[in-house]
Amino acid sequence: MSKKRNKKQVNEFDETIAASRSFYEKNKKAILYGGGGLLAIIIIALLVHQFYITPRNLHAQESIFPAEQAFLDGNYEKALNGDGENMGFLSVIDEYKNTKAGNIACLYAAKCYAATEKYQEAIEMLDRFDGCGDELISPAAIALKGNCYAELGDNEKAVEFLLKAAKEADNNTISPTCLLQAGQIYLALGQKDKALDCFQQIKKKYQQSSLYYEIDKYLEAAQ
């Protein structure tokens, strides 16, 4: 099925390029002598988007759905690799590069690897995730990378990404959790001043978070 789609996409793309060339040949004189080069580029870009990129994104979204369902069911192996009939996240990533679905599949794959304690593989997938401009998802991906580094024993990297996630999120959901995790790592390393700073940020900035009501005991431990 994916091969048929790929062939269809290639045909659509070839047709788009042919149409663009035809337009250019018919209007070459006006383009060259009328300063219309930029206009021609814009028209070609619009044609490619309409006939190639948009259908490709739609196909990618359709293909990722079974993998998402497997992920929600906790079947991480199936979510990653598919079941022979439906694609897994890894196939979606390979086949639908430069699409929104292909990008989000990297994050899903990272979560699958982390859930199965394959933390290095999770980090590699997170490196391929290009963010999505979402106030929760992008910082959560950064936090996940921090947690993976913590599991691998790389505390320096873990704290770096946890603090970065807390700063980028700046909300009562992600930021307090990341600050608490970073503070706990600092405590374990004997760096009480840095731990104290993390806990104080929760106390001062995130009074609407559930962790606010627990933070005093951590403050005491860091003093």
N, C-alpha and C. Protein backbone atom coordinates (compact mmCIF):
# COMPACT_ATOMS: atom_id res chain seq x y z
N MET A 1 0.83 -1.20 0.00
CA MET A 1 0.00 0.00 0.00
C MET A 1 0.87 1.26 0.00
N SER A 2 1.95 1.25 0.84
CA SER A 2 2.83 2.40 0.92
C SER A 2 3.56 2.61 -0.40
N LYS A 3 3.89 1.50 -1.11
CA LYS A 3 4.57 1.63 -2.39
C LYS A 3 3.67 2.30 -3.42
N LYS A 4 2.38 1.92 -3.38
CA LYS A 4 1.43 2.55 -4.30
C LYS A 4 1.33 4.03 -4.03
N ARG A 5 1.30 4.37 -2.73
CA ARG A 5 1.20 5.78 -2.36
C ARG A 5 2.45 6.53 -2.82
N ASN A 6 3.62 5.91 -2.60
CA ASN A 6 4.85 6.56 -2.99
C ASN A 6 4.87 6.82 -4.49
N LYS A 7 4.42 5.82 -5.27
CA LYS A 7 4.39 5.96 -6.71
C LYS A 7 3.46 7.07 -7.12
N LYS A 8 2.30 7.14 -6.42
CA LYS A 8 1.33 8.19 -6.70
C LYS A 8 1.91 9.54 -6.38
N GLN A 9 2.64 9.64 -5.23
CA GLN A 9 3.22 10.91 -4.84
C GLN A 9 4.28 11.34 -5.85
N VAL A 10 5.11 10.40 -6.29
CA VAL A 10 6.14 10.72 -7.28
C VAL A 10 5.51 11.22 -8.55
N ASN A 11 4.42 10.54 -9.01
CA ASN A 11 3.72 10.97 -10.21
C ASN A 11 3.17 12.37 -10.05
N GLU A 12 2.56 12.62 -8.87
CA GLU A 12 2.00 13.95 -8.62
C GLU A 12 3.10 15.00 -8.61
N PHE A 13 4.25 14.65 -8.03
CA PHE A 13 5.36 15.60 -7.99
C PHE A 13 5.89 15.87 -9.39
N ASP A 14 6.05 14.82 -10.17
CA ASP A 14 6.51 14.98 -11.56
C ASP A 14 5.55 15.84 -12.36
N GLU A 15 4.25 15.62 -12.14
CA GLU A 15 3.25 16.42 -12.84
C GLU A 15 3.34 17.88 -12.43
N THR A 16 3.60 18.12 -11.16
CA THR A 16 3.73 19.48 -10.67
C THR A 16 4.91 20.19 -11.31
N ILE A 17 6.05 19.50 -11.34
CA ILE A 17 7.24 20.09 -11.97
C ILE A 17 6.99 20.35 -13.44
N ALA A 18 6.32 19.40 -14.12
CA ALA A 18 6.02 19.57 -15.53
C ALA A 18 5.13 20.79 -15.75
N ALA A 19 4.15 20.94 -14.88
CA ALA A 19 3.25 22.09 -14.99
C ALA A 19 4.01 23.40 -14.76
N SER A 20 4.95 23.36 -13.80
CA SER A 20 5.73 24.55 -13.51
C SER A 20 6.62 24.91 -14.69
N ARG A 21 7.23 23.90 -15.32
CA ARG A 21 8.08 24.15 -16.48
C ARG A 21 7.26 24.70 -17.63
N SER A 22 6.07 24.13 -17.81
CA SER A 22 5.18 24.59 -18.87
C SER A 22 4.83 26.06 -18.66
N PHE A 23 4.52 26.40 -17.41
CA PHE A 23 4.19 27.79 -17.09
C PHE A 23 5.37 28.69 -17.42
N TYR A 24 6.56 28.25 -17.06
CA TYR A 24 7.75 29.07 -17.29
C TYR A 24 8.00 29.25 -18.78
N GLU A 25 7.89 28.17 -19.57
CA GLU A 25 8.13 28.26 -21.00
C GLU A 25 7.15 29.20 -21.67
N LYS A 26 5.90 29.12 -21.26
CA LYS A 26 4.86 29.96 -21.87
C LYS A 26 5.03 31.43 -21.52
N ASN A 27 5.62 31.67 -20.33
CA ASN A 27 5.70 33.05 -19.85
C ASN A 27 7.14 33.51 -19.66
N LYS A 28 8.06 32.84 -20.38
CA LYS A 28 9.47 33.11 -20.19
C LYS A 28 9.83 34.56 -20.45
N LYS A 29 9.29 35.10 -21.53
CA LYS A 29 9.63 36.47 -21.89
C LYS A 29 9.18 37.45 -20.82
N ALA A 30 7.95 37.25 -20.34
CA ALA A 30 7.43 38.15 -19.31
C ALA A 30 8.21 38.02 -18.02
N ILE A 31 8.62 36.79 -17.72
CA ILE A 31 9.37 36.56 -16.49
C ILE A 31 10.75 37.19 -16.56
N LEU A 32 11.45 36.99 -17.69
CA LEU A 32 12.81 37.47 -17.82
C LEU A 32 12.88 38.99 -17.95
N TYR A 33 11.91 39.54 -18.71
CA TYR A 33 11.99 40.98 -18.98
C TYR A 33 11.05 41.80 -18.09
N GLY A 34 10.18 41.15 -17.39
CA GLY A 34 9.24 41.90 -16.56
C GLY A 34 9.53 41.80 -15.08
N GLY A 35 10.68 41.23 -14.72
CA GLY A 35 11.04 41.14 -13.31
C GLY A 35 10.15 40.17 -12.55
N GLY A 36 9.65 39.14 -13.25
CA GLY A 36 8.70 38.22 -12.61
C GLY A 36 9.33 36.96 -12.08
N GLY A 37 10.65 36.94 -11.89
CA GLY A 37 11.32 35.73 -11.42
C GLY A 37 10.83 35.28 -10.07
N LEU A 38 10.66 36.22 -9.14
CA LEU A 38 10.20 35.88 -7.80
C LEU A 38 8.79 35.31 -7.85
N LEU A 39 7.95 35.93 -8.69
CA LEU A 39 6.57 35.45 -8.83
C LEU A 39 6.55 34.01 -9.33
N ALA A 40 7.40 33.70 -10.28
CA ALA A 40 7.46 32.34 -10.81
C ALA A 40 7.86 31.36 -9.72
N ILE A 41 8.82 31.75 -8.89
CA ILE A 41 9.27 30.88 -7.79
C ILE A 41 8.13 30.62 -6.83
N ILE A 42 7.37 31.68 -6.51
CA ILE A 42 6.25 31.55 -5.59
C ILE A 42 5.20 30.61 -6.15
N ILE A 43 4.90 30.76 -7.44
CA ILE A 43 3.89 29.90 -8.07
C ILE A 43 4.34 28.44 -8.05
N ILE A 44 5.60 28.20 -8.36
CA ILE A 44 6.13 26.83 -8.33
C ILE A 44 6.02 26.25 -6.93
N ALA A 45 6.37 27.06 -5.92
CA ALA A 45 6.30 26.59 -4.53
C ALA A 45 4.87 26.25 -4.14
N LEU A 46 3.92 27.05 -4.57
CA LEU A 46 2.52 26.79 -4.26
C LEU A 46 2.04 25.51 -4.93
N LEU A 47 2.47 25.29 -6.17
CA LEU A 47 2.08 24.08 -6.88
C LEU A 47 2.63 22.84 -6.18
N VAL A 48 3.89 22.89 -5.79
CA VAL A 48 4.51 21.75 -5.11
C VAL A 48 3.79 21.48 -3.80
N HIS A 49 3.46 22.54 -3.05
CA HIS A 49 2.76 22.36 -1.78
C HIS A 49 1.38 21.75 -1.99
N GLN A 50 0.66 22.24 -3.00
CA GLN A 50 -0.71 21.77 -3.22
C GLN A 50 -0.77 20.33 -3.70
N PHE A 51 0.14 19.97 -4.60
CA PHE A 51 0.04 18.66 -5.24
C PHE A 51 0.97 17.60 -4.66
N TYR A 52 1.89 18.00 -3.82
CA TYR A 52 2.84 17.00 -3.30
C TYR A 52 2.91 17.01 -1.77
N ILE A 53 3.21 18.17 -1.18
CA ILE A 53 3.44 18.21 0.26
C ILE A 53 2.16 17.93 1.04
N THR A 54 1.05 18.57 0.68
CA THR A 54 -0.20 18.38 1.41
C THR A 54 -0.68 16.93 1.38
N PRO A 55 -0.76 16.28 0.21
CA PRO A 55 -1.14 14.85 0.21
C PRO A 55 -0.18 13.99 1.01
N ARG A 56 1.09 14.32 0.96
CA ARG A 56 2.09 13.53 1.69
C ARG A 56 1.85 13.63 3.20
N ASN A 57 1.52 14.82 3.69
CA ASN A 57 1.20 14.99 5.11
C ASN A 57 -0.03 14.20 5.50
N LEU A 58 -1.04 14.19 4.63
CA LEU A 58 -2.26 13.45 4.91
C LEU A 58 -1.99 11.95 4.99
N HIS A 59 -1.19 11.45 4.05
CA HIS A 59 -0.85 10.03 4.05
C HIS A 59 -0.06 9.66 5.31
N ALA A 60 0.82 10.56 5.72
CA ALA A 60 1.62 10.30 6.92
C ALA A 60 0.73 10.24 8.16
N GLN A 61 -0.23 11.13 8.25
CA GLN A 61 -1.14 11.14 9.40
C GLN A 61 -1.97 9.86 9.45
N GLU A 62 -2.39 9.38 8.29
CA GLU A 62 -3.14 8.12 8.24
C GLU A 62 -2.27 6.96 8.69
N SER A 63 -1.02 6.98 8.27
CA SER A 63 -0.12 5.86 8.54
C SER A 63 0.28 5.76 10.01
N ILE A 64 0.33 6.91 10.70
CA ILE A 64 0.81 6.90 12.08
C ILE A 64 -0.26 6.47 13.08
N PHE A 65 -1.53 6.51 12.66
CA PHE A 65 -2.63 6.25 13.59
C PHE A 65 -2.55 4.88 14.27
N PRO A 66 -2.33 3.76 13.54
CA PRO A 66 -2.25 2.46 14.22
C PRO A 66 -1.11 2.40 15.25
N ALA A 67 0.01 3.04 14.94
CA ALA A 67 1.13 3.05 15.88
C ALA A 67 0.77 3.83 17.14
N GLU A 68 0.02 4.91 16.98
CA GLU A 68 -0.42 5.67 18.15
C GLU A 68 -1.34 4.82 19.03
N GLN A 69 -2.20 4.06 18.40
CA GLN A 69 -3.10 3.19 19.16
C GLN A 69 -2.32 2.14 19.94
N ALA A 70 -1.32 1.55 19.28
CA ALA A 70 -0.48 0.55 19.95
C ALA A 70 0.26 1.18 21.13
N PHE A 71 0.72 2.41 20.94
CA PHE A 71 1.41 3.13 22.02
C PHE A 71 0.49 3.33 23.22
N LEU A 72 -0.74 3.76 22.96
CA LEU A 72 -1.71 3.99 24.03
C LEU A 72 -2.05 2.69 24.76
N ASP A 73 -1.97 1.58 24.03
CA ASP A 73 -2.23 0.28 24.64
C ASP A 73 -1.03 -0.26 25.41
N GLY A 74 0.09 0.44 25.35
CA GLY A 74 1.29 0.00 26.03
C GLY A 74 2.07 -1.07 25.28
N ASN A 75 1.73 -1.28 24.01
CA ASN A 75 2.43 -2.26 23.19
C ASN A 75 3.53 -1.53 22.43
N TYR A 76 4.65 -1.29 23.11
CA TYR A 76 5.69 -0.42 22.57
C TYR A 76 6.44 -1.06 21.39
N GLU A 77 6.60 -2.36 21.43
CA GLU A 77 7.27 -3.06 20.33
C GLU A 77 6.46 -2.90 19.04
N LYS A 78 5.17 -3.12 19.13
CA LYS A 78 4.29 -2.97 17.97
C LYS A 78 4.23 -1.52 17.53
N ALA A 79 4.20 -0.61 18.48
CA ALA A 79 4.16 0.81 18.15
C ALA A 79 5.41 1.22 17.37
N LEU A 80 6.55 0.68 17.75
CA LEU A 80 7.80 1.02 17.08
C LEU A 80 7.93 0.38 15.71
N ASN A 81 7.61 -0.90 15.62
CA ASN A 81 7.94 -1.68 14.42
C ASN A 81 6.74 -2.09 13.57
N GLY A 82 5.52 -1.79 14.02
CA GLY A 82 4.36 -2.18 13.25
C GLY A 82 4.04 -3.66 13.43
N ASP A 83 3.07 -4.12 12.66
CA ASP A 83 2.66 -5.52 12.79
C ASP A 83 2.64 -6.27 11.46
N GLY A 84 3.34 -5.73 10.48
CA GLY A 84 3.35 -6.37 9.17
C GLY A 84 2.29 -5.82 8.23
N GLU A 85 1.19 -5.39 8.81
CA GLU A 85 0.12 -4.79 8.01
C GLU A 85 0.12 -3.27 8.16
N ASN A 86 0.33 -2.82 9.39
CA ASN A 86 0.37 -1.39 9.67
C ASN A 86 1.79 -0.94 10.02
N MET A 87 2.09 0.29 9.70
CA MET A 87 3.41 0.83 9.94
C MET A 87 3.61 1.16 11.41
N GLY A 88 4.85 1.02 11.88
CA GLY A 88 5.21 1.49 13.20
C GLY A 88 5.86 2.86 13.10
N PHE A 89 6.19 3.45 14.23
CA PHE A 89 6.77 4.78 14.23
C PHE A 89 8.07 4.84 13.43
N LEU A 90 8.89 3.81 13.51
CA LEU A 90 10.18 3.83 12.82
C LEU A 90 10.00 3.89 11.30
N SER A 91 9.01 3.16 10.79
CA SER A 91 8.73 3.20 9.35
C SER A 91 8.17 4.54 8.93
N VAL A 92 7.31 5.11 9.78
CA VAL A 92 6.74 6.43 9.48
C VAL A 92 7.86 7.47 9.41
N ILE A 93 8.81 7.37 10.33
CA ILE A 93 9.94 8.31 10.34
C ILE A 93 10.72 8.20 9.04
N ASP A 94 11.01 6.97 8.61
CA ASP A 94 11.81 6.76 7.41
C ASP A 94 11.07 7.16 6.14
N GLU A 95 9.79 6.83 6.09
CA GLU A 95 9.04 7.03 4.85
C GLU A 95 8.47 8.44 4.71
N TYR A 96 8.23 9.09 5.82
CA TYR A 96 7.59 10.40 5.76
C TYR A 96 8.44 11.46 6.45
N LYS A 97 9.69 11.54 6.03
CA LYS A 97 10.56 12.59 6.53
C LYS A 97 10.00 13.95 6.12
N ASN A 98 10.31 14.95 6.92
CA ASN A 98 9.90 16.33 6.62
C ASN A 98 8.39 16.52 6.60
N THR A 99 7.67 15.67 7.35
CA THR A 99 6.24 15.88 7.55
C THR A 99 6.00 16.03 9.05
N LYS A 100 4.86 16.61 9.41
CA LYS A 100 4.54 16.77 10.82
C LYS A 100 4.42 15.41 11.51
N ALA A 101 3.78 14.46 10.83
CA ALA A 101 3.60 13.13 11.40
C ALA A 101 4.95 12.43 11.57
N GLY A 102 5.83 12.59 10.58
CA GLY A 102 7.16 12.00 10.69
C GLY A 102 7.94 12.57 11.85
N ASN A 103 7.76 13.87 12.09
CA ASN A 103 8.44 14.53 13.20
C ASN A 103 7.90 14.03 14.55
N ILE A 104 6.59 14.02 14.70
CA ILE A 104 6.00 13.60 15.97
C ILE A 104 6.26 12.12 16.24
N ALA A 105 6.44 11.34 15.16
CA ALA A 105 6.77 9.92 15.31
C ALA A 105 8.11 9.75 16.02
N CYS A 106 9.03 10.71 15.83
CA CYS A 106 10.32 10.65 16.53
C CYS A 106 10.11 10.75 18.03
N LEU A 107 9.19 11.63 18.44
CA LEU A 107 8.92 11.78 19.87
C LEU A 107 8.24 10.53 20.43
N TYR A 108 7.28 10.00 19.69
CA TYR A 108 6.63 8.76 20.12
C TYR A 108 7.65 7.63 20.25
N ALA A 109 8.53 7.52 19.26
CA ALA A 109 9.54 6.46 19.29
C ALA A 109 10.45 6.62 20.50
N ALA A 110 10.81 7.86 20.81
CA ALA A 110 11.65 8.12 21.98
C ALA A 110 10.94 7.67 23.26
N LYS A 111 9.65 7.94 23.35
CA LYS A 111 8.89 7.52 24.53
C LYS A 111 8.82 5.99 24.63
N CYS A 112 8.70 5.34 23.49
CA CYS A 112 8.67 3.87 23.47
C CYS A 112 10.00 3.31 23.97
N TYR A 113 11.10 3.87 23.47
CA TYR A 113 12.42 3.40 23.90
C TYR A 113 12.64 3.66 25.38
N ALA A 114 12.22 4.85 25.85
CA ALA A 114 12.40 5.16 27.28
C ALA A 114 11.58 4.22 28.14
N ALA A 115 10.36 3.90 27.69
CA ALA A 115 9.49 3.00 28.46
C ALA A 115 10.06 1.59 28.54
N THR A 116 10.90 1.22 27.58
CA THR A 116 11.51 -0.11 27.58
C THR A 116 12.99 -0.05 28.01
N GLU A 117 13.35 1.08 28.65
CA GLU A 117 14.68 1.28 29.25
C GLU A 117 15.80 1.28 28.22
N LYS A 118 15.51 1.67 26.99
CA LYS A 118 16.53 1.85 25.97
C LYS A 118 16.80 3.35 25.85
N TYR A 119 17.50 3.87 26.84
CA TYR A 119 17.60 5.32 27.00
C TYR A 119 18.48 5.98 25.93
N GLN A 120 19.52 5.33 25.50
CA GLN A 120 20.38 5.91 24.47
C GLN A 120 19.61 6.03 23.15
N GLU A 121 18.84 5.00 22.82
CA GLU A 121 18.02 5.05 21.61
C GLU A 121 16.97 6.14 21.72
N ALA A 122 16.43 6.33 22.92
CA ALA A 122 15.45 7.39 23.14
C ALA A 122 16.07 8.76 22.88
N ILE A 123 17.29 8.96 23.37
CA ILE A 123 17.98 10.24 23.17
C ILE A 123 18.23 10.49 21.68
N GLU A 124 18.61 9.45 20.97
CA GLU A 124 18.87 9.60 19.54
C GLU A 124 17.60 10.00 18.79
N MET A 125 16.46 9.46 19.20
CA MET A 125 15.20 9.85 18.58
C MET A 125 14.82 11.29 18.95
N LEU A 126 15.08 11.66 20.19
CA LEU A 126 14.79 13.03 20.62
C LEU A 126 15.67 14.04 19.88
N ASP A 127 16.88 13.63 19.51
CA ASP A 127 17.75 14.50 18.72
C ASP A 127 17.16 14.75 17.33
N ARG A 128 16.37 13.80 16.85
CA ARG A 128 15.75 13.94 15.53
C ARG A 128 14.42 14.69 15.59
N PHE A 129 13.86 14.80 16.79
CA PHE A 129 12.60 15.52 16.96
C PHE A 129 12.86 17.02 16.85
N ASP A 130 12.12 17.66 15.96
CA ASP A 130 12.38 19.06 15.63
C ASP A 130 11.45 20.02 16.36
N GLY A 131 10.84 19.56 17.45
CA GLY A 131 9.90 20.42 18.16
C GLY A 131 8.62 20.59 17.36
N CYS A 132 7.65 21.23 17.93
CA CYS A 132 6.40 21.44 17.20
C CYS A 132 5.73 22.74 17.61
N GLY A 133 6.45 23.58 18.32
CA GLY A 133 5.90 24.87 18.70
C GLY A 133 4.85 24.83 19.77
N ASP A 134 4.63 23.66 20.36
CA ASP A 134 3.60 23.53 21.39
C ASP A 134 4.20 23.87 22.75
N GLU A 135 3.43 24.57 23.60
CA GLU A 135 3.93 25.03 24.89
C GLU A 135 4.17 23.89 25.87
N LEU A 136 3.54 22.74 25.63
CA LEU A 136 3.71 21.60 26.52
C LEU A 136 4.58 20.51 25.91
N ILE A 137 4.32 20.18 24.63
CA ILE A 137 4.99 19.04 24.01
C ILE A 137 6.49 19.26 23.87
N SER A 138 6.89 20.41 23.34
CA SER A 138 8.32 20.66 23.13
C SER A 138 9.12 20.66 24.43
N PRO A 139 8.68 21.38 25.48
CA PRO A 139 9.42 21.30 26.75
C PRO A 139 9.39 19.89 27.35
N ALA A 140 8.28 19.18 27.17
CA ALA A 140 8.19 17.81 27.70
C ALA A 140 9.22 16.91 27.02
N ALA A 141 9.46 17.14 25.74
CA ALA A 141 10.46 16.36 25.02
C ALA A 141 11.86 16.64 25.57
N ILE A 142 12.12 17.90 25.89
CA ILE A 142 13.41 18.27 26.48
C ILE A 142 13.56 17.62 27.85
N ALA A 143 12.47 17.64 28.62
CA ALA A 143 12.50 17.01 29.95
C ALA A 143 12.74 15.51 29.85
N LEU A 144 12.14 14.88 28.85
CA LEU A 144 12.34 13.45 28.65
C LEU A 144 13.80 13.15 28.37
N LYS A 145 14.43 14.00 27.58
CA LYS A 145 15.86 13.81 27.31
C LYS A 145 16.66 13.91 28.60
N GLY A 146 16.30 14.87 29.45
CA GLY A 146 16.98 15.01 30.74
C GLY A 146 16.82 13.77 31.59
N ASN A 147 15.62 13.21 31.61
CA ASN A 147 15.38 12.00 32.38
C ASN A 147 16.17 10.80 31.83
N CYS A 148 16.29 10.74 30.51
CA CYS A 148 17.06 9.65 29.90
C CYS A 148 18.54 9.75 30.29
N TYR A 149 19.06 10.98 30.27
CA TYR A 149 20.46 11.16 30.69
C TYR A 149 20.64 10.79 32.16
N ALA A 150 19.64 11.11 32.99
CA ALA A 150 19.71 10.76 34.41
C ALA A 150 19.75 9.25 34.58
N GLU A 151 18.95 8.54 33.79
CA GLU A 151 18.93 7.07 33.87
C GLU A 151 20.26 6.48 33.43
N LEU A 152 20.95 7.19 32.52
CA LEU A 152 22.26 6.71 32.05
C LEU A 152 23.39 7.14 32.98
N GLY A 153 23.05 7.90 34.03
CA GLY A 153 24.06 8.32 34.99
C GLY A 153 24.82 9.56 34.59
N ASP A 154 24.38 10.25 33.52
CA ASP A 154 25.04 11.48 33.10
C ASP A 154 24.30 12.65 33.74
N ASN A 155 24.64 12.92 35.00
CA ASN A 155 23.90 13.92 35.77
C ASN A 155 24.07 15.34 35.24
N GLU A 156 25.23 15.64 34.70
CA GLU A 156 25.47 16.98 34.16
C GLU A 156 24.52 17.26 33.00
N LYS A 157 24.42 16.34 32.08
CA LYS A 157 23.49 16.49 30.96
C LYS A 157 22.05 16.48 31.43
N ALA A 158 21.75 15.63 32.41
CA ALA A 158 20.39 15.52 32.92
C ALA A 158 19.91 16.86 33.46
N VAL A 159 20.73 17.48 34.30
CA VAL A 159 20.37 18.77 34.89
C VAL A 159 20.25 19.85 33.80
N GLU A 160 21.16 19.81 32.85
CA GLU A 160 21.13 20.80 31.76
C GLU A 160 19.78 20.80 31.05
N PHE A 161 19.30 19.61 30.70
CA PHE A 161 18.05 19.54 29.94
C PHE A 161 16.82 19.75 30.82
N LEU A 162 16.89 19.34 32.07
CA LEU A 162 15.77 19.55 32.97
C LEU A 162 15.56 21.04 33.23
N LEU A 163 16.64 21.77 33.44
CA LEU A 163 16.53 23.20 33.66
C LEU A 163 16.09 23.93 32.40
N LYS A 164 16.56 23.46 31.26
CA LYS A 164 16.14 24.04 29.99
C LYS A 164 14.64 23.84 29.78
N ALA A 165 14.15 22.64 30.08
CA ALA A 165 12.73 22.35 29.94
C ALA A 165 11.90 23.23 30.87
N ALA A 166 12.36 23.39 32.11
CA ALA A 166 11.65 24.21 33.07
C ALA A 166 11.56 25.66 32.59
N LYS A 167 12.64 26.17 32.04
CA LYS A 167 12.66 27.55 31.57
C LYS A 167 11.76 27.74 30.36
N GLU A 168 11.82 26.81 29.40
CA GLU A 168 11.02 26.96 28.18
C GLU A 168 9.54 26.77 28.45
N ALA A 169 9.19 25.88 29.37
CA ALA A 169 7.77 25.65 29.67
C ALA A 169 7.20 26.82 30.46
N ASP A 170 7.88 27.18 31.53
CA ASP A 170 7.46 28.25 32.42
C ASP A 170 5.97 28.16 32.76
N ASN A 171 5.54 26.98 33.19
CA ASN A 171 4.15 26.79 33.60
C ASN A 171 4.10 25.95 34.87
N ASN A 172 2.93 25.82 35.41
CA ASN A 172 2.75 25.13 36.69
C ASN A 172 2.71 23.61 36.57
N THR A 173 2.85 23.12 35.36
CA THR A 173 2.79 21.67 35.14
C THR A 173 4.18 21.07 34.98
N ILE A 174 4.91 21.53 33.97
CA ILE A 174 6.21 20.95 33.64
C ILE A 174 7.34 21.54 34.48
N SER A 175 7.34 22.86 34.63
CA SER A 175 8.47 23.53 35.28
C SER A 175 8.74 23.05 36.71
N PRO A 176 7.74 22.97 37.58
CA PRO A 176 8.02 22.51 38.95
C PRO A 176 8.58 21.09 39.00
N THR A 177 8.04 20.22 38.15
CA THR A 177 8.53 18.83 38.12
C THR A 177 9.99 18.77 37.71
N CYS A 178 10.34 19.52 36.67
CA CYS A 178 11.73 19.52 36.19
C CYS A 178 12.66 20.15 37.22
N LEU A 179 12.22 21.22 37.86
CA LEU A 179 13.04 21.86 38.88
C LEU A 179 13.25 20.94 40.07
N LEU A 180 12.20 20.22 40.45
CA LEU A 180 12.32 19.27 41.56
C LEU A 180 13.31 18.16 41.21
N GLN A 181 13.21 17.62 40.00
CA GLN A 181 14.12 16.56 39.58
C GLN A 181 15.57 17.07 39.56
N ALA A 182 15.76 18.26 39.01
CA ALA A 182 17.10 18.84 38.96
C ALA A 182 17.63 19.06 40.38
N GLY A 183 16.77 19.57 41.27
CA GLY A 183 17.19 19.78 42.65
C GLY A 183 17.57 18.50 43.35
N GLN A 184 16.83 17.44 43.09
CA GLN A 184 17.14 16.15 43.70
C GLN A 184 18.48 15.60 43.22
N ILE A 185 18.77 15.82 41.94
CA ILE A 185 20.07 15.40 41.40
C ILE A 185 21.19 16.18 42.08
N TYR A 186 20.99 17.50 42.21
CA TYR A 186 22.00 18.33 42.89
C TYR A 186 22.22 17.87 44.33
N LEU A 187 21.11 17.54 45.02
CA LEU A 187 21.22 17.05 46.39
C LEU A 187 22.06 15.77 46.46
N ALA A 188 21.79 14.87 45.53
CA ALA A 188 22.52 13.60 45.49
C ALA A 188 24.01 13.82 45.23
N LEU A 189 24.32 14.92 44.51
CA LEU A 189 25.71 15.25 44.21
C LEU A 189 26.36 16.09 45.30
N GLY A 190 25.56 16.41 46.33
CA GLY A 190 26.09 17.21 47.42
C GLY A 190 26.16 18.69 47.13
N GLN A 191 25.50 19.14 46.07
CA GLN A 191 25.52 20.56 45.69
C GLN A 191 24.24 21.23 46.22
N LYS A 192 24.24 21.47 47.53
CA LYS A 192 23.02 21.95 48.19
C LYS A 192 22.62 23.35 47.75
N ASP A 193 23.58 24.19 47.42
CA ASP A 193 23.24 25.55 47.01
C ASP A 193 22.45 25.56 45.71
N LYS A 194 22.86 24.72 44.77
CA LYS A 194 22.14 24.63 43.50
C LYS A 194 20.78 23.97 43.68
N ALA A 195 20.71 22.98 44.54
CA ALA A 195 19.44 22.32 44.85
C ALA A 195 18.48 23.33 45.47
N LEU A 196 19.00 24.12 46.39
CA LEU A 196 18.19 25.12 47.07
C LEU A 196 17.60 26.12 46.08
N ASP A 197 18.41 26.53 45.12
CA ASP A 197 17.93 27.47 44.09
C ASP A 197 16.77 26.88 43.30
N CYS A 198 16.86 25.61 42.95
CA CYS A 198 15.78 24.95 42.21
C CYS A 198 14.49 24.92 43.03
N PHE A 199 14.62 24.55 44.29
CA PHE A 199 13.44 24.44 45.14
C PHE A 199 12.82 25.82 45.43
N GLN A 200 13.67 26.82 45.56
CA GLN A 200 13.17 28.18 45.82
C GLN A 200 12.40 28.72 44.62
N GLN A 201 12.82 28.34 43.42
CA GLN A 201 12.09 28.78 42.23
C GLN A 201 10.66 28.24 42.25
N ILE A 202 10.50 26.99 42.67
CA ILE A 202 9.16 26.40 42.77
C ILE A 202 8.33 27.18 43.78
N LYS A 203 8.96 27.50 44.92
CA LYS A 203 8.26 28.21 46.01
C LYS A 203 7.83 29.60 45.56
N LYS A 204 8.66 30.28 44.79
CA LYS A 204 8.39 31.66 44.41
C LYS A 204 7.52 31.80 43.16
N LYS A 205 7.74 30.92 42.18
CA LYS A 205 7.13 31.14 40.87
C LYS A 205 5.93 30.26 40.56
N TYR A 206 5.84 29.10 41.21
CA TYR A 206 4.82 28.14 40.79
C TYR A 206 3.90 27.75 41.95
N GLN A 207 3.25 28.75 42.48
CA GLN A 207 2.40 28.56 43.65
C GLN A 207 1.09 27.84 43.31
N GLN A 208 0.77 27.74 42.04
CA GLN A 208 -0.44 27.03 41.63
C GLN A 208 -0.19 25.56 41.33
N SER A 209 1.05 25.13 41.46
CA SER A 209 1.36 23.72 41.16
C SER A 209 1.11 22.85 42.39
N SER A 210 0.89 21.58 42.15
CA SER A 210 0.67 20.64 43.26
C SER A 210 1.93 20.48 44.09
N LEU A 211 3.11 20.66 43.48
CA LEU A 211 4.37 20.49 44.20
C LEU A 211 4.63 21.64 45.18
N TYR A 212 3.95 22.74 45.00
CA TYR A 212 4.15 23.88 45.88
C TYR A 212 3.90 23.50 47.34
N TYR A 213 2.92 22.64 47.55
CA TYR A 213 2.54 22.28 48.92
C TYR A 213 3.49 21.25 49.54
N GLU A 214 4.41 20.72 48.73
CA GLU A 214 5.37 19.74 49.25
C GLU A 214 6.78 20.28 49.31
N ILE A 215 6.98 21.49 48.76
CA ILE A 215 8.34 21.95 48.53
C ILE A 215 9.10 22.28 49.81
N ASP A 216 8.40 22.58 50.89
CA ASP A 216 9.09 22.97 52.13
C ASP A 216 10.03 21.88 52.64
N LYS A 217 9.61 20.63 52.52
CA LYS A 217 10.47 19.54 53.02
C LYS A 217 11.76 19.43 52.20
N TYR A 218 11.67 19.79 50.89
CA TYR A 218 12.87 19.76 50.06
C TYR A 218 13.77 20.95 50.39
N LEU A 219 13.14 22.09 50.68
CA LEU A 219 13.91 23.27 51.08
C LEU A 219 14.69 22.98 52.36
N GLU A 220 14.06 22.31 53.28
CA GLU A 220 14.73 21.96 54.54
C GLU A 220 15.92 21.04 54.31
N ALA A 221 15.74 20.09 53.39
CA ALA A 221 16.82 19.14 53.10
C ALA A 221 18.01 19.81 52.45
N ALA A 222 17.75 20.93 51.76
CA ALA A 222 18.84 21.60 51.03
C ALA A 222 19.53 22.66 51.87
N GLN A 223 19.05 22.92 53.09
CA GLN A 223 19.62 23.97 53.94
C GLN A 223 20.60 23.40 54.96
